Amino acid sequence: MTTHRLKNVLIAALVASGTLLGAAATVQANSLDSILEVGQEKNQAARESQQRIDRLADEARDLLADYKAVMKQVDGLKVYNNRLEKQIANQERRIADIEESINDVTVIQRQMTPLVIRMIDGLEQFVQLDVPFNLDERMERIEFLRSNVDRSDLTVAEKFRQVLEAYNIELQYGRGMETYSDTIEVNGVTRDVDFLRIGRVALVYQTTDGEESGVWNNETRSWEPLSAGDYANAIRKGVRIAKKQATIELLNMPVAAPEAE
């Protein structure tokens, strides 16, 4: 009996011990799973954190690159703005100069018209007192200038230019040699003559038949006859030279001697 009870006790103890071992194993297994699950969660969280860090690092690099690009643009704009400021300052100085010039031009324009009129008057007086060659042509030029004074479609500068051009034409008359045909009253008879002008030194004529010659006396404002023997050939030769029908040579012409002061 005693032996049988000991066996039963031993069996019960073994059973209890196995039960305890199984329970402990189960608890250990559950604890390990929990630990592994927590480790996996931490790893996942670490990976997600690293991904966020990498994304933030990429964004930071992109922002830095954008910042550097913007700073280059800012530096370029500063240089450009400095150039523009200098250009604007220069333009402002030019505008001030132009405005001052415009004011001066306005004053000059008011003074130019009276000047042009005085110049035309002076030119007309000069022509009337000058040797009377091409008189109709010269007086027509003066009348043309007078008619332009009151024209609104011409600027003052253009009117002044025309007057200067007329003065220049008169200046050229004193440097050239010219011949032209016209009529003149000789001893109360109208005759066809050839005129020969040598600058403003001499203005002579010769009838087309070569019988009569004369010279303009600007002091008496009249024509004076010339001796055919002294000047007829010279005048005829001078006419041919002016027409480019003969070579230039010395001519014996009646020239008024300068008066002693």
Protein backbone atom coordinates (compact mmCIF):
# COMPACT_ATOMS: atom_id res chain seq x y z
CA MET A 1 0.00 0.00 0.00
CA THR A 2 2.71 2.37 0.98
CA THR A 3 4.58 1.77 -2.25
CA HIS A 4 1.47 2.27 -4.30
CA ARG A 5 0.79 5.63 -2.66
CA LEU A 6 4.33 6.74 -3.30
CA LYS A 7 3.91 5.95 -6.97
CA ASN A 8 0.72 7.88 -7.09
CA VAL A 9 2.38 10.82 -5.36
CA LEU A 10 5.33 10.63 -7.70
CA ILE A 11 3.06 10.49 -10.73
CA ALA A 12 1.08 13.43 -9.43
CA ALA A 13 4.28 15.35 -8.85
CA LEU A 14 5.52 14.57 -12.34
CA VAL A 15 2.19 15.61 -13.76
CA ALA A 16 2.26 18.83 -11.81
CA SER A 17 5.86 19.44 -12.82
CA GLY A 18 5.02 18.87 -16.51
CA THR A 19 2.09 21.16 -16.22
CA LEU A 20 4.26 23.83 -14.70
CA LEU A 21 6.93 23.35 -17.34
CA GLY A 22 4.33 23.59 -20.11
CA ALA A 23 2.86 26.68 -18.62
CA ALA A 24 6.30 28.22 -18.26
CA ALA A 25 7.14 27.34 -21.85
CA THR A 26 3.93 28.88 -23.03
CA VAL A 27 4.63 32.04 -21.05
CA GLN A 28 8.18 32.19 -22.41
CA ALA A 29 6.92 31.71 -25.98
CA ASN A 30 4.37 34.47 -25.58
CA SER A 31 7.04 36.78 -24.09
CA LEU A 32 9.40 36.07 -27.03
CA ASP A 33 6.71 36.79 -29.55
CA SER A 34 5.96 40.05 -27.81
CA ILE A 35 9.64 40.97 -27.80
CA LEU A 36 10.00 40.10 -31.49
CA GLU A 37 6.89 42.07 -32.33
CA VAL A 38 8.16 45.09 -30.42
CA GLY A 39 11.53 44.78 -32.18
CA GLN A 40 9.83 44.65 -35.56
CA GLU A 41 7.76 47.71 -34.69
CA LYS A 42 10.92 49.57 -33.63
CA ASN A 43 12.67 48.55 -36.83
CA GLN A 44 9.72 49.71 -38.88
CA ALA A 45 9.62 52.97 -36.99
CA ALA A 46 13.38 53.35 -37.51
CA ARG A 47 13.00 52.75 -41.25
CA GLU A 48 10.19 55.29 -41.48
CA SER A 49 12.25 57.78 -39.47
CA GLN A 50 15.23 57.25 -41.79
CA GLN A 51 13.01 57.72 -44.82
CA ARG A 52 11.72 61.00 -43.35
CA ILE A 53 15.30 62.06 -42.60
CA ASP A 54 16.38 61.24 -46.15
CA ARG A 55 13.41 63.12 -47.58
CA LEU A 56 14.13 66.13 -45.39
CA ALA A 57 17.81 66.00 -46.39
CA ASP A 58 16.83 65.96 -50.09
CA GLU A 59 14.46 68.85 -49.53
CA ALA A 60 17.18 70.75 -47.66
CA ARG A 61 19.63 70.17 -50.56
CA ASP A 62 17.01 71.35 -53.07
CA LEU A 63 16.26 74.42 -50.97
CA LEU A 64 19.98 75.18 -50.68
CA ALA A 65 20.41 74.88 -54.44
CA ASP A 66 17.39 77.14 -54.98
CA TYR A 67 18.80 79.62 -52.45
CA LYS A 68 22.15 79.72 -54.21
CA ALA A 69 20.43 80.23 -57.58
CA VAL A 70 18.28 83.01 -56.15
CA MET A 71 21.31 84.68 -54.56
CA LYS A 72 23.09 84.63 -57.94
CA GLN A 73 20.04 86.27 -59.49
CA VAL A 74 19.98 88.83 -56.68
CA ASP A 75 23.67 89.64 -57.23
CA GLY A 76 23.04 89.98 -60.96
CA LEU A 77 20.04 92.21 -60.33
CA LYS A 78 22.10 94.40 -58.00
CA VAL A 79 24.71 94.91 -60.71
CA TYR A 80 21.99 95.53 -63.30
CA ASN A 81 20.21 98.00 -61.02
CA ASN A 82 23.46 99.88 -60.42
CA ARG A 83 23.96 100.18 -64.19
CA LEU A 84 20.37 101.33 -64.63
CA GLU A 85 20.79 103.94 -61.91
CA LYS A 86 23.83 105.33 -63.71
CA GLN A 87 21.99 105.32 -67.04
CA ILE A 88 18.96 107.00 -65.50
CA ALA A 89 21.16 109.66 -63.93
CA ASN A 90 22.86 110.25 -67.28
CA GLN A 91 19.49 110.45 -69.05
CA GLU A 92 18.23 112.91 -66.47
CA ARG A 93 21.27 115.10 -67.13
CA ARG A 94 20.64 114.86 -70.87
CA ILE A 95 16.96 115.72 -70.39
CA ALA A 96 17.97 118.78 -68.38
CA ASP A 97 20.40 119.79 -71.14
CA ILE A 98 17.75 119.24 -73.81
CA GLU A 99 15.20 121.27 -71.90
CA GLU A 100 17.73 124.07 -71.56
CA SER A 101 18.50 123.81 -75.28
CA ILE A 102 14.79 123.92 -76.09
CA ASN A 103 14.45 127.10 -74.07
CA ASP A 104 17.45 128.55 -75.90
CA VAL A 105 16.02 127.48 -79.26
CA THR A 106 12.73 129.19 -78.45
CA VAL A 107 14.59 132.42 -77.76
CA ILE A 108 16.71 132.00 -80.89
CA GLN A 109 13.65 131.30 -83.04
CA ARG A 110 12.05 134.53 -81.89
CA GLN A 111 15.22 136.37 -82.87
CA MET A 112 15.82 134.48 -86.13
CA THR A 113 12.84 135.79 -88.09
CA PRO A 114 13.83 139.47 -87.69
CA LEU A 115 17.40 138.48 -88.58
CA VAL A 116 16.24 136.70 -91.75
CA ILE A 117 14.23 139.78 -92.77
CA ARG A 118 17.22 142.07 -92.19
CA MET A 119 19.46 139.75 -94.21
CA ILE A 120 17.01 139.76 -97.13
CA ASP A 121 16.80 143.56 -97.00
CA GLY A 122 20.59 143.77 -96.96
CA LEU A 123 20.85 141.36 -99.89
CA GLU A 124 18.37 143.36 -101.95
CA GLN A 125 20.22 146.59 -101.24
CA PHE A 126 23.49 144.94 -102.23
CA VAL A 127 22.06 143.69 -105.55
CA GLN A 128 20.63 147.10 -106.37
CA LEU A 129 24.00 148.74 -105.74
CA ASP A 130 26.00 146.00 -107.44
CA VAL A 131 26.95 145.61 -111.08
CA PRO A 132 23.62 144.85 -112.85
CA PHE A 133 24.31 141.38 -114.26
CA ASN A 134 21.55 138.76 -114.27
CA LEU A 135 19.46 141.35 -112.48
CA ASP A 136 16.07 139.71 -113.12
CA GLU A 137 17.28 136.34 -111.85
CA ARG A 138 18.80 137.82 -108.71
CA MET A 139 15.73 139.92 -107.88
CA GLU A 140 13.46 136.90 -108.41
CA ARG A 141 15.57 135.01 -105.88
CA ILE A 142 15.10 137.83 -103.36
CA GLU A 143 11.34 137.89 -103.92
CA PHE A 144 11.27 134.14 -103.41
CA LEU A 145 13.00 134.57 -100.06
CA ARG A 146 10.54 137.29 -99.03
CA SER A 147 7.55 135.11 -99.91
CA ASN A 148 8.92 132.32 -97.73
CA VAL A 149 9.25 134.45 -94.60
CA ASP A 150 5.55 134.17 -93.74
CA ARG A 151 5.15 130.51 -94.75
CA SER A 152 4.06 128.35 -91.82
CA ASP A 153 5.15 125.10 -93.47
CA LEU A 154 8.80 126.14 -93.41
CA THR A 155 10.89 126.13 -90.27
CA VAL A 156 12.94 129.15 -89.28
CA ALA A 157 16.05 127.04 -89.82
CA GLU A 158 15.02 126.32 -93.42
CA LYS A 159 14.31 129.99 -94.11
CA PHE A 160 17.71 130.90 -92.70
CA ARG A 161 19.37 128.20 -94.82
CA GLN A 162 17.76 129.57 -97.98
CA VAL A 163 19.01 133.08 -97.21
CA LEU A 164 22.53 131.76 -96.59
CA GLU A 165 22.37 129.89 -99.88
CA ALA A 166 21.41 133.13 -101.70
CA TYR A 167 24.36 134.89 -100.06
CA ASN A 168 26.65 132.07 -101.18
CA ILE A 169 25.40 132.39 -104.77
CA GLU A 170 26.19 136.11 -104.70
CA LEU A 171 29.63 135.27 -103.33
CA GLN A 172 30.29 132.86 -106.21
CA TYR A 173 29.42 135.54 -108.75
CA GLY A 174 32.57 137.40 -107.74
CA ARG A 175 34.78 134.44 -108.55
CA GLY A 176 33.63 133.36 -111.98
CA MET A 177 33.54 134.35 -115.61
CA GLU A 178 30.19 134.33 -117.39
CA THR A 179 28.64 135.31 -120.71
CA TYR A 180 24.99 135.55 -121.64
CA SER A 181 22.84 137.22 -124.30
CA ASP A 182 20.29 139.94 -123.65
CA THR A 183 19.04 143.25 -124.99
CA ILE A 184 20.25 146.74 -124.12
CA GLU A 185 19.29 150.22 -125.17
CA VAL A 186 22.19 151.89 -127.01
CA ASN A 187 21.71 155.52 -128.08
CA GLY A 188 17.97 155.12 -127.76
CA VAL A 189 17.93 151.93 -129.84
CA THR A 190 17.35 148.45 -128.40
CA ARG A 191 20.19 146.17 -129.48
CA ASP A 192 20.91 142.45 -129.06
CA VAL A 193 24.20 142.10 -127.22
CA ASP A 194 26.50 139.54 -125.62
CA PHE A 195 27.39 140.35 -122.05
CA LEU A 196 30.70 139.33 -120.52
CA ARG A 197 31.10 139.38 -116.75
CA ILE A 198 34.49 138.88 -115.14
CA GLY A 199 33.71 138.45 -111.46
CA ARG A 200 32.63 141.84 -110.22
CA VAL A 201 35.67 143.51 -111.76
CA ALA A 202 34.16 144.21 -115.16
CA LEU A 203 30.83 143.93 -116.94
CA VAL A 204 31.06 144.65 -120.66
CA TYR A 205 28.86 144.12 -123.69
CA GLN A 206 29.30 143.79 -127.42
CA THR A 207 26.57 143.93 -130.02
CA THR A 208 26.03 140.73 -131.96
CA ASP A 209 27.42 142.37 -135.10
CA GLY A 210 30.57 143.33 -133.19
CA GLU A 211 30.33 146.97 -134.13
CA GLU A 212 29.73 148.46 -130.68
CA SER A 213 31.08 147.65 -127.24
CA GLY A 214 30.55 149.18 -123.82
CA VAL A 215 31.30 148.85 -120.14
CA TRP A 216 29.22 149.41 -117.02
CA ASN A 217 30.35 152.28 -114.83
CA ASN A 218 29.08 151.49 -111.36
CA GLU A 219 29.87 154.99 -110.06
CA THR A 220 27.65 156.71 -112.59
CA ARG A 221 25.29 153.72 -112.75
CA SER A 222 25.37 153.86 -116.55
CA TRP A 223 26.82 152.20 -119.66
CA GLU A 224 29.79 153.83 -121.34
CA PRO A 225 30.91 153.12 -124.92
CA LEU A 226 34.31 151.59 -125.55
CA SER A 227 36.72 152.10 -128.39
CA ALA A 228 36.27 149.21 -130.79
CA GLY A 229 39.97 149.18 -131.60
CA ASP A 230 41.05 148.84 -127.98
CA TYR A 231 38.61 146.29 -126.57
CA ALA A 232 36.51 144.70 -129.34
CA ASN A 233 38.84 141.76 -129.92
CA ALA A 234 39.43 141.25 -126.18
CA ILE A 235 35.69 141.18 -125.46
CA ARG A 236 35.07 138.79 -128.35
CA LYS A 237 37.84 136.50 -127.10
CA GLY A 238 36.55 136.73 -123.53
CA VAL A 239 33.10 135.62 -124.67
CA ARG A 240 34.66 132.59 -126.37
CA ILE A 241 36.65 131.75 -123.23
CA ALA A 242 33.51 131.99 -121.07
CA LYS A 243 31.74 129.63 -123.48
CA LYS A 244 34.74 127.27 -123.20
CA GLN A 245 35.43 127.68 -126.90
CA ALA A 246 38.95 129.02 -126.31
CA THR A 247 41.75 128.55 -123.81
CA ILE A 248 42.17 130.96 -120.93
CA GLU A 249 44.62 133.82 -121.49
CA LEU A 250 45.25 137.38 -120.39
CA LEU A 251 42.67 139.88 -121.62
CA ASN A 252 42.87 143.67 -121.91
CA MET A 253 39.69 144.78 -120.15
CA PRO A 254 38.47 148.17 -118.94
CA VAL A 255 38.69 148.04 -115.17
CA ALA A 256 37.88 150.97 -112.92
CA ALA A 257 40.94 152.09 -111.00
CA PRO A 258 40.64 152.14 -107.20
CA GLU A 259 40.10 155.56 -105.73
CA ALA A 260 42.69 157.03 -103.36
CA GLU A 261 41.35 157.65 -99.88
